[in-house]
Amino acid sequence: MAVNSAPGKDSEVYLKPVSFYPDPFRLGDNVLVLCETCLPDGKLTPIPTNTRSAAAQVMMKASNHRPMFGIEQEYTLYHADGHTILGWPRQGFPRPQVKMREFEQVLASMHEIHDAFSKLITPVVI
């Protein structure tokens, strides 16, 4: 499946690890690794769509400043079955309109999970 993550003429992409995080799901010695996508040119040149590399360079130049911005986190949380989205019924889709109380309960549990997850990860930049 093509997702525009590699140049069309050469789909080989090298992964360069840049950050390691303790895995909050599997725990123990397991880690999550964030990687840069690079060209197979022997120099590990970031591919043109690798905007993380350019952002890292800008942030290094401004490291003595205190930036005022936020990074939006987008993810989907699932029940332990790995298929049902948190807050959805086990079979099918949610009703078109849910009562505000139900929505508030789901939202509160999602905030608790997000807060717990945020406390578990500590970035280690290499």
PDB file of N, CA and C in Angstrom:
ATOM      1  N   MET A   1       0.845  -1.170   0.000  1.00  0.00           N
ATOM      2  CA  MET A   1       0.000   0.000   0.000  1.00  0.00           C
ATOM      3  C   MET A   1       0.892   1.234   0.000  1.00  0.00           C
ATOM      4  N   ALA A   2       0.652   2.139  -0.886  1.00  0.00           N
ATOM      5  CA  ALA A   2       1.451   3.354  -0.985  1.00  0.00           C
ATOM      6  C   ALA A   2       0.863   4.444  -0.097  1.00  0.00           C
ATOM      7  N   VAL A   3       1.696   5.039   0.717  1.00  0.00           N
ATOM      8  CA  VAL A   3       1.255   6.135   1.582  1.00  0.00           C
ATOM      9  C   VAL A   3       2.170   7.348   1.429  1.00  0.00           C
ATOM     10  N   ASN A   4       2.857   7.432   0.306  1.00  0.00           N
ATOM     11  CA  ASN A   4       3.755   8.549   0.019  1.00  0.00           C
ATOM     12  C   ASN A   4       4.859   8.708   1.058  1.00  0.00           C
ATOM     13  N   SER A   5       5.321   7.591   1.631  1.00  0.00           N
ATOM     14  CA  SER A   5       6.392   7.673   2.616  1.00  0.00           C
ATOM     15  C   SER A   5       7.761   7.460   1.995  1.00  0.00           C
ATOM     16  N   ALA A   6       7.798   7.139   0.706  1.00  0.00           N
ATOM     17  CA  ALA A   6       9.072   6.924   0.022  1.00  0.00           C
ATOM     18  C   ALA A   6       8.979   7.496  -1.383  1.00  0.00           C
ATOM     19  N   PRO A   7      10.136   7.896  -1.941  1.00  0.00           N
ATOM     20  CA  PRO A   7      10.113   8.380  -3.321  1.00  0.00           C
ATOM     21  C   PRO A   7       9.599   7.290  -4.259  1.00  0.00           C
ATOM     22  N   GLY A   8       8.858   7.677  -5.286  1.00  0.00           N
ATOM     23  CA  GLY A   8       8.251   6.708  -6.197  1.00  0.00           C
ATOM     24  C   GLY A   8       9.225   5.870  -6.977  1.00  0.00           C
ATOM     25  N   LYS A   9      10.374   6.427  -7.373  1.00  0.00           N
ATOM     26  CA  LYS A   9      11.326   5.672  -8.189  1.00  0.00           C
ATOM     27  C   LYS A   9      12.104   4.645  -7.377  1.00  0.00           C
ATOM     28  N   ASP A  10      12.203   4.831  -6.086  1.00  0.00           N
ATOM     29  CA  ASP A  10      12.930   3.897  -5.222  1.00  0.00           C
ATOM     30  C   ASP A  10      12.193   3.829  -3.893  1.00  0.00           C
ATOM     31  N   SER A  11      11.556   2.716  -3.622  1.00  0.00           N
ATOM     32  CA  SER A  11      10.730   2.644  -2.420  1.00  0.00           C
ATOM     33  C   SER A  11      11.505   2.166  -1.193  1.00  0.00           C
ATOM     34  N   GLU A  12      12.826   1.982  -1.317  1.00  0.00           N
ATOM     35  CA  GLU A  12      13.606   1.568  -0.151  1.00  0.00           C
ATOM     36  C   GLU A  12      13.833   2.777   0.755  1.00  0.00           C
ATOM     37  N   VAL A  13      13.539   2.595   2.029  1.00  0.00           N
ATOM     38  CA  VAL A  13      13.692   3.660   3.018  1.00  0.00           C
ATOM     39  C   VAL A  13      14.446   3.076   4.206  1.00  0.00           C
ATOM     40  N   TYR A  14      15.447   3.789   4.666  1.00  0.00           N
ATOM     41  CA  TYR A  14      16.174   3.373   5.854  1.00  0.00           C
ATOM     42  C   TYR A  14      15.548   4.055   7.062  1.00  0.00           C
ATOM     43  N   LEU A  15      15.542   3.353   8.179  1.00  0.00           N
ATOM     44  CA  LEU A  15      15.022   3.901   9.421  1.00  0.00           C
ATOM     45  C   LEU A  15      16.193   4.225  10.339  1.00  0.00           C
ATOM     46  N   LYS A  16      16.222   5.462  10.847  1.00  0.00           N
ATOM     47  CA  LYS A  16      17.281   5.914  11.748  1.00  0.00           C
ATOM     48  C   LYS A  16      16.644   6.205  13.105  1.00  0.00           C
ATOM     49  N   PRO A  17      16.928   5.387  14.120  1.00  0.00           N
ATOM     50  CA  PRO A  17      16.336   5.621  15.443  1.00  0.00           C
ATOM     51  C   PRO A  17      16.754   6.985  15.993  1.00  0.00           C
ATOM     52  N   VAL A  18      15.791   7.744  16.552  1.00  0.00           N
ATOM     53  CA  VAL A  18      16.094   9.052  17.125  1.00  0.00           C
ATOM     54  C   VAL A  18      15.632   9.201  18.569  1.00  0.00           C
ATOM     55  N   SER A  19      14.639   8.439  18.996  1.00  0.00           N
ATOM     56  CA  SER A  19      14.149   8.519  20.375  1.00  0.00           C
ATOM     57  C   SER A  19      13.652   7.159  20.829  1.00  0.00           C
ATOM     58  N   PHE A  20      13.878   6.878  22.107  1.00  0.00           N
ATOM     59  CA  PHE A  20      13.419   5.632  22.711  1.00  0.00           C
ATOM     60  C   PHE A  20      12.536   5.970  23.901  1.00  0.00           C
ATOM     61  N   TYR A  21      11.447   5.217  24.071  1.00  0.00           N
ATOM     62  CA  TYR A  21      10.535   5.433  25.187  1.00  0.00           C
ATOM     63  C   TYR A  21      10.215   4.084  25.823  1.00  0.00           C
ATOM     64  N   PRO A  22      10.098   4.027  27.146  1.00  0.00           N
ATOM     65  CA  PRO A  22       9.644   2.786  27.773  1.00  0.00           C
ATOM     66  C   PRO A  22       8.253   2.437  27.236  1.00  0.00           C
ATOM     67  N   ASP A  23       8.030   1.175  26.903  1.00  0.00           N
ATOM     68  CA  ASP A  23       6.735   0.749  26.365  1.00  0.00           C
ATOM     69  C   ASP A  23       5.733   0.643  27.503  1.00  0.00           C
ATOM     70  N   PRO A  24       4.723   1.531  27.529  1.00  0.00           N
ATOM     71  CA  PRO A  24       3.762   1.517  28.628  1.00  0.00           C
ATOM     72  C   PRO A  24       2.761   0.378  28.544  1.00  0.00           C
ATOM     73  N   PHE A  25       2.746  -0.345  27.438  1.00  0.00           N
ATOM     74  CA  PHE A  25       1.780  -1.430  27.264  1.00  0.00           C
ATOM     75  C   PHE A  25       2.387  -2.785  27.587  1.00  0.00           C
ATOM     76  N   ARG A  26       3.576  -3.059  27.067  1.00  0.00           N
ATOM     77  CA  ARG A  26       4.213  -4.353  27.309  1.00  0.00           C
ATOM     78  C   ARG A  26       5.123  -4.324  28.524  1.00  0.00           C
ATOM     79  N   LEU A  27       5.468  -3.108  28.992  1.00  0.00           N
ATOM     80  CA  LEU A  27       6.263  -2.911  30.205  1.00  0.00           C
ATOM     81  C   LEU A  27       7.601  -3.662  30.146  1.00  0.00           C
ATOM     82  N   GLY A  28       8.196  -3.913  31.277  1.00  0.00           N
ATOM     83  CA  GLY A  28       9.481  -4.616  31.329  1.00  0.00           C
ATOM     84  C   GLY A  28      10.566  -3.859  30.586  1.00  0.00           C
ATOM     85  N   ASP A  29      11.414  -4.599  29.879  1.00  0.00           N
ATOM     86  CA  ASP A  29      12.516  -3.998  29.125  1.00  0.00           C
ATOM     87  C   ASP A  29      12.096  -3.552  27.728  1.00  0.00           C
ATOM     88  N   ASN A  30      10.825  -3.641  27.395  1.00  0.00           N
ATOM     89  CA  ASN A  30      10.353  -3.271  26.063  1.00  0.00           C
ATOM     90  C   ASN A  30      10.377  -1.760  25.874  1.00  0.00           C
ATOM     91  N   VAL A  31      10.682  -1.336  24.651  1.00  0.00           N
ATOM     92  CA  VAL A  31      10.733   0.088  24.332  1.00  0.00           C
ATOM     93  C   VAL A  31      10.000   0.369  23.036  1.00  0.00           C
ATOM     94  N   LEU A  32       9.552   1.613  22.871  1.00  0.00           N
ATOM     95  CA  LEU A  32       9.021   2.108  21.612  1.00  0.00           C
ATOM     96  C   LEU A  32      10.126   2.969  21.003  1.00  0.00           C
ATOM     97  N   VAL A  33      10.362   2.820  19.712  1.00  0.00           N
ATOM     98  CA  VAL A  33      11.434   3.547  19.046  1.00  0.00           C
ATOM     99  C   VAL A  33      10.843   4.425  17.953  1.00  0.00           C
ATOM    100  N   LEU A  34      11.129   5.726  18.008  1.00  0.00           N
ATOM    101  CA  LEU A  34      10.725   6.640  16.952  1.00  0.00           C
ATOM    102  C   LEU A  34      11.907   6.780  16.004  1.00  0.00           C
ATOM    103  N   CYS A  35      11.615   6.713  14.712  1.00  0.00           N
ATOM    104  CA  CYS A  35      12.686   6.725  13.711  1.00  0.00           C
ATOM    105  C   CYS A  35      12.476   7.819  12.672  1.00  0.00           C
ATOM    106  N   GLU A  36      13.580   8.267  12.114  1.00  0.00           N
ATOM    107  CA  GLU A  36      13.543   9.136  10.946  1.00  0.00           C
ATOM    108  C   GLU A  36      13.541   8.236   9.725  1.00  0.00           C
ATOM    109  N   THR A  37      12.898   8.684   8.655  1.00  0.00           N
ATOM    110  CA  THR A  37      12.938   7.960   7.393  1.00  0.00           C
ATOM    111  C   THR A  37      13.982   8.621   6.510  1.00  0.00           C
ATOM    112  N   CYS A  38      14.903   7.805   6.005  1.00  0.00           N
ATOM    113  CA  CYS A  38      16.046   8.330   5.268  1.00  0.00           C
ATOM    114  C   CYS A  38      16.214   7.631   3.924  1.00  0.00           C
ATOM    115  N   LEU A  39      16.888   8.332   3.024  1.00  0.00           N
ATOM    116  CA  LEU A  39      17.200   7.783   1.702  1.00  0.00           C
ATOM    117  C   LEU A  39      18.309   6.740   1.819  1.00  0.00           C
ATOM    118  N   PRO A  40      18.293   5.743   0.957  1.00  0.00           N
ATOM    119  CA  PRO A  40      19.369   4.742   0.967  1.00  0.00           C
ATOM    120  C   PRO A  40      20.586   5.250   0.192  1.00  0.00           C
ATOM    121  N   ASP A  41      21.109   6.419   0.592  1.00  0.00           N
ATOM    122  CA  ASP A  41      22.201   7.056  -0.148  1.00  0.00           C
ATOM    123  C   ASP A  41      23.554   6.935   0.547  1.00  0.00           C
ATOM    124  N   GLY A  42      23.608   6.171   1.631  1.00  0.00           N
ATOM    125  CA  GLY A  42      24.851   6.018   2.364  1.00  0.00           C
ATOM    126  C   GLY A  42      25.109   7.145   3.354  1.00  0.00           C
ATOM    127  N   LYS A  43      24.342   8.229   3.296  1.00  0.00           N
ATOM    128  CA  LYS A  43      24.516   9.370   4.196  1.00  0.00           C
ATOM    129  C   LYS A  43      23.321   9.541   5.139  1.00  0.00           C
ATOM    130  N   LEU A  44      22.334   8.681   4.989  1.00  0.00           N
ATOM    131  CA  LEU A  44      21.096   8.779   5.768  1.00  0.00           C
ATOM    132  C   LEU A  44      20.458  10.162   5.653  1.00  0.00           C
ATOM    133  N   THR A  45      20.359  10.643   4.426  1.00  0.00           N
ATOM    134  CA  THR A  45      19.695  11.915   4.143  1.00  0.00           C
ATOM    135  C   THR A  45      18.193  11.737   4.356  1.00  0.00           C
ATOM    136  N   PRO A  46      17.567  12.622   5.140  1.00  0.00           N
ATOM    137  CA  PRO A  46      16.118  12.491   5.342  1.00  0.00           C
ATOM    138  C   PRO A  46      15.378  12.536   4.003  1.00  0.00           C
ATOM    139  N   ILE A  47      14.363  11.676   3.839  1.00  0.00           N
ATOM    140  CA  ILE A  47      13.577  11.696   2.603  1.00  0.00           C
ATOM    141  C   ILE A  47      12.798  13.019   2.561  1.00  0.00           C
ATOM    142  N   PRO A  48      12.392  13.478   1.384  1.00  0.00           N
ATOM    143  CA  PRO A  48      11.721  14.783   1.268  1.00  0.00           C
ATOM    144  C   PRO A  48      10.482  14.949   2.148  1.00  0.00           C
ATOM    145  N   THR A  49       9.773  13.864   2.416  1.00  0.00           N
ATOM    146  CA  THR A  49       8.557  13.978   3.229  1.00  0.00           C
ATOM    147  C   THR A  49       8.844  13.859   4.729  1.00  0.00           C
ATOM    148  N   ASN A  50      10.105  13.762   5.124  1.00  0.00           N
ATOM    149  CA  ASN A  50      10.480  13.638   6.535  1.00  0.00           C
ATOM    150  C   ASN A  50      10.528  15.030   7.164  1.00  0.00           C
ATOM    151  N   THR A  51       9.397  15.533   7.583  1.00  0.00           N
ATOM    152  CA  THR A  51       9.336  16.872   8.170  1.00  0.00           C
ATOM    153  C   THR A  51       9.823  16.884   9.616  1.00  0.00           C
ATOM    154  N   ARG A  52       9.883  15.728  10.261  1.00  0.00           N
ATOM    155  CA  ARG A  52      10.393  15.653  11.636  1.00  0.00           C
ATOM    156  C   ARG A  52      11.846  16.104  11.684  1.00  0.00           C
ATOM    157  N   SER A  53      12.625  15.756  10.681  1.00  0.00           N
ATOM    158  CA  SER A  53      14.040  16.121  10.642  1.00  0.00           C
ATOM    159  C   SER A  53      14.199  17.640  10.582  1.00  0.00           C
ATOM    160  N   ALA A  54      13.451  18.292   9.713  1.00  0.00           N
ATOM    161  CA  ALA A  54      13.525  19.753   9.595  1.00  0.00           C
ATOM    162  C   ALA A  54      13.046  20.420  10.883  1.00  0.00           C
ATOM    163  N   ALA A  55      11.990  19.883  11.485  1.00  0.00           N
ATOM    164  CA  ALA A  55      11.482  20.454  12.737  1.00  0.00           C
ATOM    165  C   ALA A  55      12.524  20.313  13.845  1.00  0.00           C
ATOM    166  N   ALA A  56      13.223  19.189  13.899  1.00  0.00           N
ATOM    167  CA  ALA A  56      14.254  18.977  14.923  1.00  0.00           C
ATOM    168  C   ALA A  56      15.385  19.995  14.763  1.00  0.00           C
ATOM    169  N   GLN A  57      15.762  20.300  13.524  1.00  0.00           N
ATOM    170  CA  GLN A  57      16.822  21.284  13.284  1.00  0.00           C
ATOM    171  C   GLN A  57      16.392  22.679  13.768  1.00  0.00           C
ATOM    172  N   VAL A  58      15.159  23.059  13.488  1.00  0.00           N
ATOM    173  CA  VAL A  58      14.643  24.359  13.938  1.00  0.00           C
ATOM    174  C   VAL A  58      14.623  24.408  15.461  1.00  0.00           C
ATOM    175  N   MET A  59      14.178  23.335  16.090  1.00  0.00           N
ATOM    176  CA  MET A  59      14.092  23.308  17.551  1.00  0.00           C
ATOM    177  C   MET A  59      15.477  23.378  18.184  1.00  0.00           C
ATOM    178  N   MET A  60      16.484  22.759  17.562  1.00  0.00           N
ATOM    179  CA  MET A  60      17.854  22.837  18.077  1.00  0.00           C
ATOM    180  C   MET A  60      18.345  24.287  18.035  1.00  0.00           C
ATOM    181  N   LYS A  61      18.053  24.996  16.929  1.00  0.00           N
ATOM    182  CA  LYS A  61      18.484  26.389  16.790  1.00  0.00           C
ATOM    183  C   LYS A  61      17.815  27.288  17.836  1.00  0.00           C
ATOM    184  N   ALA A  62      16.620  26.935  18.246  1.00  0.00           N
ATOM    185  CA  ALA A  62      15.863  27.750  19.190  1.00  0.00           C
ATOM    186  C   ALA A  62      15.879  27.163  20.599  1.00  0.00           C
ATOM    187  N   SER A  63      16.828  26.287  20.888  1.00  0.00           N
ATOM    188  CA  SER A  63      16.818  25.561  22.168  1.00  0.00           C
ATOM    189  C   SER A  63      17.004  26.472  23.382  1.00  0.00           C
ATOM    190  N   ASN A  64      17.546  27.681  23.187  1.00  0.00           N
ATOM    191  CA  ASN A  64      17.702  28.587  24.326  1.00  0.00           C
ATOM    192  C   ASN A  64      16.448  29.435  24.565  1.00  0.00           C
ATOM    193  N   HIS A  65      15.428  29.266  23.742  1.00  0.00           N
ATOM    194  CA  HIS A  65      14.156  29.966  23.904  1.00  0.00           C
ATOM    195  C   HIS A  65      13.126  29.035  24.524  1.00  0.00           C
ATOM    196  N   ARG A  66      12.063  29.601  25.017  1.00  0.00           N
ATOM    197  CA  ARG A  66      10.964  28.809  25.568  1.00  0.00           C
ATOM    198  C   ARG A  66       9.782  28.936  24.626  1.00  0.00           C
ATOM    199  N   PRO A  67       9.645  27.991  23.687  1.00  0.00           N
ATOM    200  CA  PRO A  67       8.555  28.108  22.714  1.00  0.00           C
ATOM    201  C   PRO A  67       7.186  27.995  23.389  1.00  0.00           C
ATOM    202  N   MET A  68       6.216  28.670  22.788  1.00  0.00           N
ATOM    203  CA  MET A  68       4.849  28.614  23.297  1.00  0.00           C
ATOM    204  C   MET A  68       3.965  28.003  22.222  1.00  0.00           C
ATOM    205  N   PHE A  69       3.928  26.692  22.198  1.00  0.00           N
ATOM    206  CA  PHE A  69       3.079  25.969  21.266  1.00  0.00           C
ATOM    207  C   PHE A  69       2.816  24.597  21.849  1.00  0.00           C
ATOM    208  N   GLY A  70       1.904  23.905  21.260  1.00  0.00           N
ATOM    209  CA  GLY A  70       1.593  22.554  21.707  1.00  0.00           C
ATOM    210  C   GLY A  70       1.630  21.591  20.540  1.00  0.00           C
ATOM    211  N   ILE A  71       1.880  20.357  20.857  1.00  0.00           N
ATOM    212  CA  ILE A  71       1.862  19.317  19.836  1.00  0.00           C
ATOM    213  C   ILE A  71       0.595  18.505  20.059  1.00  0.00           C
ATOM    214  N   GLU A  72      -0.199  18.398  19.028  1.00  0.00           N
ATOM    215  CA  GLU A  72      -1.457  17.665  19.132  1.00  0.00           C
ATOM    216  C   GLU A  72      -1.184  16.166  19.057  1.00  0.00           C
ATOM    217  N   GLN A  73      -1.718  15.448  20.004  1.00  0.00           N
ATOM    218  CA  GLN A  73      -1.587  13.998  20.004  1.00  0.00           C
ATOM    219  C   GLN A  73      -2.877  13.409  19.473  1.00  0.00           C
ATOM    220  N   GLU A  74      -2.771  12.560  18.469  1.00  0.00           N
ATOM    221  CA  GLU A  74      -3.945  11.889  17.935  1.00  0.00           C
ATOM    222  C   GLU A  74      -3.728  10.391  17.996  1.00  0.00           C
ATOM    223  N   TYR A  75      -4.628   9.730  18.648  1.00  0.00           N
ATOM    224  CA  TYR A  75      -4.570   8.284  18.710  1.00  0.00           C
ATOM    225  C   TYR A  75      -5.952   7.758  19.047  1.00  0.00           C
ATOM    226  N   THR A  76      -6.146   6.478  18.827  1.00  0.00           N
ATOM    227  CA  THR A  76      -7.409   5.828  19.131  1.00  0.00           C
ATOM    228  C   THR A  76      -7.164   4.796  20.212  1.00  0.00           C
ATOM    229  N   LEU A  77      -7.960   4.823  21.254  1.00  0.00           N
ATOM    230  CA  LEU A  77      -7.832   3.853  22.333  1.00  0.00           C
ATOM    231  C   LEU A  77      -8.856   2.736  22.126  1.00  0.00           C
ATOM    232  N   TYR A  78      -8.400   1.499  22.308  1.00  0.00           N
ATOM    233  CA  TYR A  78      -9.250   0.330  22.117  1.00  0.00           C
ATOM    234  C   TYR A  78      -9.425  -0.415  23.433  1.00  0.00           C
ATOM    235  N   HIS A  79     -10.540  -1.152  23.525  1.00  0.00           N
ATOM    236  CA  HIS A  79     -10.727  -2.078  24.631  1.00  0.00           C
ATOM    237  C   HIS A  79      -9.671  -3.170  24.516  1.00  0.00           C
ATOM    238  N   ALA A  80      -9.527  -3.976  25.552  1.00  0.00           N
ATOM    239  CA  ALA A  80      -8.519  -5.037  25.561  1.00  0.00           C
ATOM    240  C   ALA A  80      -8.712  -6.039  24.430  1.00  0.00           C
ATOM    241  N   ASP A  81      -9.913  -6.096  23.818  1.00  0.00           N
ATOM    242  CA  ASP A  81     -10.123  -7.043  22.717  1.00  0.00           C
ATOM    243  C   ASP A  81      -9.365  -6.629  21.457  1.00  0.00           C
ATOM    244  N   GLY A  82      -8.851  -5.389  21.430  1.00  0.00           N
ATOM    245  CA  GLY A  82      -8.069  -4.914  20.300  1.00  0.00           C
ATOM    246  C   GLY A  82      -8.886  -4.525  19.083  1.00  0.00           C
ATOM    247  N   HIS A  83     -10.210  -4.590  19.178  1.00  0.00           N
ATOM    248  CA  HIS A  83     -11.068  -4.290  18.027  1.00  0.00           C
ATOM    249  C   HIS A  83     -12.098  -3.205  18.308  1.00  0.00           C
ATOM    250  N   THR A  84     -12.569  -3.133  19.554  1.00  0.00           N
ATOM    251  CA  THR A  84     -13.642  -2.213  19.891  1.00  0.00           C
ATOM    252  C   THR A  84     -13.063  -0.885  20.383  1.00  0.00           C
ATOM    253  N   ILE A  85     -13.457   0.198  19.749  1.00  0.00           N
ATOM    254  CA  ILE A  85     -12.989   1.517  20.156  1.00  0.00           C
ATOM    255  C   ILE A  85     -13.556   1.843  21.535  1.00  0.00           C
ATOM    256  N   LEU A  86     -12.696   2.395  22.401  1.00  0.00           N
ATOM    257  CA  LEU A  86     -13.107   2.729  23.759  1.00  0.00           C
ATOM    258  C   LEU A  86     -14.303   3.675  23.711  1.00  0.00           C
ATOM    259  N   GLY A  87     -15.356   3.329  24.449  1.00  0.00           N
ATOM    260  CA  GLY A  87     -16.557   4.139  24.482  1.00  0.00           C
ATOM    261  C   GLY A  87     -17.622   3.677  23.500  1.00  0.00           C
ATOM    262  N   TRP A  88     -17.263   2.756  22.588  1.00  0.00           N
ATOM    263  CA  TRP A  88     -18.239   2.229  21.635  1.00  0.00           C
ATOM    264  C   TRP A  88     -18.794   0.914  22.173  1.00  0.00           C
ATOM    265  N   PRO A  89     -20.008   0.544  21.738  1.00  0.00           N
ATOM    266  CA  PRO A  89     -20.536  -0.758  22.148  1.00  0.00           C
ATOM    267  C   PRO A  89     -19.680  -1.882  21.562  1.00  0.00           C
ATOM    268  N   ARG A  90     -19.670  -3.033  22.229  1.00  0.00           N
ATOM    269  CA  ARG A  90     -18.835  -4.161  21.786  1.00  0.00           C
ATOM    270  C   ARG A  90     -19.206  -4.636  20.378  1.00  0.00           C
ATOM    271  N   GLN A  91     -20.433  -4.474  19.989  1.00  0.00           N
ATOM    272  CA  GLN A  91     -20.873  -4.879  18.653  1.00  0.00           C
ATOM    273  C   GLN A  91     -21.490  -3.666  17.965  1.00  0.00           C
ATOM    274  N   GLY A  92     -21.018  -3.322  16.801  1.00  0.00           N
ATOM    275  CA  GLY A  92     -21.651  -2.255  16.034  1.00  0.00           C
ATOM    276  C   GLY A  92     -21.106  -0.878  16.329  1.00  0.00           C
ATOM    277  N   PHE A  93     -21.971   0.098  16.152  1.00  0.00           N
ATOM    278  CA  PHE A  93     -21.594   1.497  16.256  1.00  0.00           C
ATOM    279  C   PHE A  93     -22.399   2.161  17.366  1.00  0.00           C
ATOM    280  N   PRO A  94     -21.937   3.292  17.888  1.00  0.00           N
ATOM    281  CA  PRO A  94     -22.715   3.995  18.910  1.00  0.00           C
ATOM    282  C   PRO A  94     -23.995   4.562  18.311  1.00  0.00           C
ATOM    283  N   ARG A  95     -24.955   4.815  19.178  1.00  0.00           N
ATOM    284  CA  ARG A  95     -26.191   5.442  18.723  1.00  0.00           C
ATOM    285  C   ARG A  95     -25.863   6.815  18.152  1.00  0.00           C
ATOM    286  N   PRO A  96     -26.683   7.306  17.227  1.00  0.00           N
ATOM    287  CA  PRO A  96     -26.423   8.623  16.649  1.00  0.00           C
ATOM    288  C   PRO A  96     -26.327   9.727  17.702  1.00  0.00           C
ATOM    289  N   GLN A  97     -27.156   9.684  18.716  1.00  0.00           N
ATOM    290  CA  GLN A  97     -27.122  10.673  19.783  1.00  0.00           C
ATOM    291  C   GLN A  97     -26.973   9.945  21.108  1.00  0.00           C
ATOM    292  N   VAL A  98     -25.944  10.279  21.851  1.00  0.00           N
ATOM    293  CA  VAL A  98     -25.797   9.687  23.174  1.00  0.00           C
ATOM    294  C   VAL A  98     -26.177  10.741  24.205  1.00  0.00           C
ATOM    295  N   LYS A  99     -26.597  10.272  25.344  1.00  0.00           N
ATOM    296  CA  LYS A  99     -26.936  11.205  26.407  1.00  0.00           C
ATOM    297  C   LYS A  99     -25.651  11.871  26.895  1.00  0.00           C
ATOM    298  N   MET A 100     -25.727  13.121  27.254  1.00  0.00           N
ATOM    299  CA  MET A 100     -24.556  13.880  27.681  1.00  0.00           C
ATOM    300  C   MET A 100     -23.841  13.172  28.828  1.00  0.00           C
ATOM    301  N   ARG A 101     -24.587  12.564  29.731  1.00  0.00           N
ATOM    302  CA  ARG A 101     -23.982  11.876  30.879  1.00  0.00           C
ATOM    303  C   ARG A 101     -23.103  10.728  30.402  1.00  0.00           C
ATOM    304  N   GLU A 102     -23.563   9.950  29.420  1.00  0.00           N
ATOM    305  CA  GLU A 102     -22.770   8.844  28.873  1.00  0.00           C
ATOM    306  C   GLU A 102     -21.488   9.385  28.246  1.00  0.00           C
ATOM    307  N   PHE A 103     -21.623  10.455  27.487  1.00  0.00           N
ATOM    308  CA  PHE A 103     -20.468  11.057  26.825  1.00  0.00           C
ATOM    309  C   PHE A 103     -19.451  11.545  27.859  1.00  0.00           C
ATOM    310  N   GLU A 104     -19.928  12.185  28.916  1.00  0.00           N
ATOM    311  CA  GLU A 104     -19.039  12.698  29.954  1.00  0.00           C
ATOM    312  C   GLU A 104     -18.297  11.554  30.642  1.00  0.00           C
ATOM    313  N   GLN A 105     -18.970  10.416  30.856  1.00  0.00           N
ATOM    314  CA  GLN A 105     -18.326   9.270  31.493  1.00  0.00           C
ATOM    315  C   GLN A 105     -17.203   8.711  30.619  1.00  0.00           C
ATOM    316  N   VAL A 106     -17.471   8.570  29.324  1.00  0.00           N
ATOM    317  CA  VAL A 106     -16.451   8.069  28.405  1.00  0.00           C
ATOM    318  C   VAL A 106     -15.282   9.049  28.342  1.00  0.00           C
ATOM    319  N   LEU A 107     -15.586  10.332  28.243  1.00  0.00           N
ATOM    320  CA  LEU A 107     -14.552  11.355  28.166  1.00  0.00           C
ATOM    321  C   LEU A 107     -13.684  11.345  29.426  1.00  0.00           C
ATOM    322  N   ALA A 108     -14.299  11.198  30.583  1.00  0.00           N
ATOM    323  CA  ALA A 108     -13.552  11.169  31.841  1.00  0.00           C
ATOM    324  C   ALA A 108     -12.615   9.970  31.881  1.00  0.00           C
ATOM    325  N   SER A 109     -13.082   8.798  31.445  1.00  0.00           N
ATOM    326  CA  SER A 109     -12.217   7.619  31.458  1.00  0.00           C
ATOM    327  C   SER A 109     -11.078   7.772  30.463  1.00  0.00           C
ATOM    328  N   MET A 110     -11.331   8.420  29.321  1.00  0.00           N
ATOM    329  CA  MET A 110     -10.271   8.633  28.337  1.00  0.00           C
ATOM    330  C   MET A 110      -9.220   9.598  28.885  1.00  0.00           C
ATOM    331  N   HIS A 111      -9.655  10.619  29.644  1.00  0.00           N
ATOM    332  CA  HIS A 111      -8.706  11.555  30.258  1.00  0.00           C
ATOM    333  C   HIS A 111      -7.839  10.829  31.280  1.00  0.00           C
ATOM    334  N   GLU A 112      -8.440   9.931  32.052  1.00  0.00           N
ATOM    335  CA  GLU A 112      -7.674   9.165  33.042  1.00  0.00           C
ATOM    336  C   GLU A 112      -6.618   8.308  32.357  1.00  0.00           C
ATOM    337  N   ILE A 113      -6.991   7.654  31.262  1.00  0.00           N
ATOM    338  CA  ILE A 113      -6.052   6.811  30.529  1.00  0.00           C
ATOM    339  C   ILE A 113      -4.936   7.663  29.931  1.00  0.00           C
ATOM    340  N   HIS A 114      -5.286   8.799  29.334  1.00  0.00           N
ATOM    341  CA  HIS A 114      -4.276   9.691  28.751  1.00  0.00           C
ATOM    342  C   HIS A 114      -3.299  10.168  29.817  1.00  0.00           C
ATOM    343  N   ASP A 115      -3.818  10.581  30.976  1.00  0.00           N
ATOM    344  CA  ASP A 115      -2.952  11.066  32.042  1.00  0.00           C
ATOM    345  C   ASP A 115      -2.016   9.966  32.534  1.00  0.00           C
ATOM    346  N   ALA A 116      -2.537   8.761  32.698  1.00  0.00           N
ATOM    347  CA  ALA A 116      -1.703   7.635  33.148  1.00  0.00           C
ATOM    348  C   ALA A 116      -0.636   7.326  32.110  1.00  0.00           C
ATOM    349  N   PHE A 117      -1.007   7.341  30.839  1.00  0.00           N
ATOM    350  CA  PHE A 117      -0.065   7.064  29.756  1.00  0.00           C
ATOM    351  C   PHE A 117       1.031   8.128  29.725  1.00  0.00           C
ATOM    352  N   SER A 118       0.652   9.393  29.862  1.00  0.00           N
ATOM    353  CA  SER A 118       1.625  10.491  29.827  1.00  0.00           C
ATOM    354  C   SER A 118       2.642  10.383  30.952  1.00  0.00           C
ATOM    355  N   LYS A 119       2.227   9.883  32.109  1.00  0.00           N
ATOM    356  CA  LYS A 119       3.148   9.733  33.240  1.00  0.00           C
ATOM    357  C   LYS A 119       4.111   8.578  33.021  1.00  0.00           C
ATOM    358  N   LEU A 120       3.721   7.591  32.201  1.00  0.00           N
ATOM    359  CA  LEU A 120       4.561   6.419  31.980  1.00  0.00           C
ATOM    360  C   LEU A 120       5.703   6.684  31.008  1.00  0.00           C
ATOM    361  N   ILE A 121       5.512   7.591  30.059  1.00  0.00           N
ATOM    362  CA  ILE A 121       6.547   7.783  29.036  1.00  0.00           C
ATOM    363  C   ILE A 121       7.468   8.933  29.413  1.00  0.00           C
ATOM    364  N   THR A 122       8.735   8.683  29.283  1.00  0.00           N
ATOM    365  CA  THR A 122       9.754   9.694  29.499  1.00  0.00           C
ATOM    366  C   THR A 122      10.649   9.678  28.274  1.00  0.00           C
ATOM    367  N   PRO A 123      10.682  10.755  27.513  1.00  0.00           N
ATOM    368  CA  PRO A 123      11.486  10.744  26.291  1.00  0.00           C
ATOM    369  C   PRO A 123      12.979  10.635  26.587  1.00  0.00           C
ATOM    370  N   VAL A 124      13.657   9.847  25.758  1.00  0.00           N
ATOM    371  CA  VAL A 124      15.105   9.727  25.795  1.00  0.00           C
ATOM    372  C   VAL A 124      15.575  10.018  24.392  1.00  0.00           C
ATOM    373  N   VAL A 125      16.163  11.178  24.166  1.00  0.00           N
ATOM    374  CA  VAL A 125      16.590  11.577  22.841  1.00  0.00           C
ATOM    375  C   VAL A 125      18.055  11.221  22.648  1.00  0.00           C
ATOM    376  N   ILE A 126      18.358  10.633  21.466  1.00  0.00           N
ATOM    377  CA  ILE A 126      19.756  10.296  21.185  1.00  0.00           C
ATOM    378  C   ILE A 126      20.312  11.248  20.146  1.00  0.00           C
TER     379      ILE A 126
END
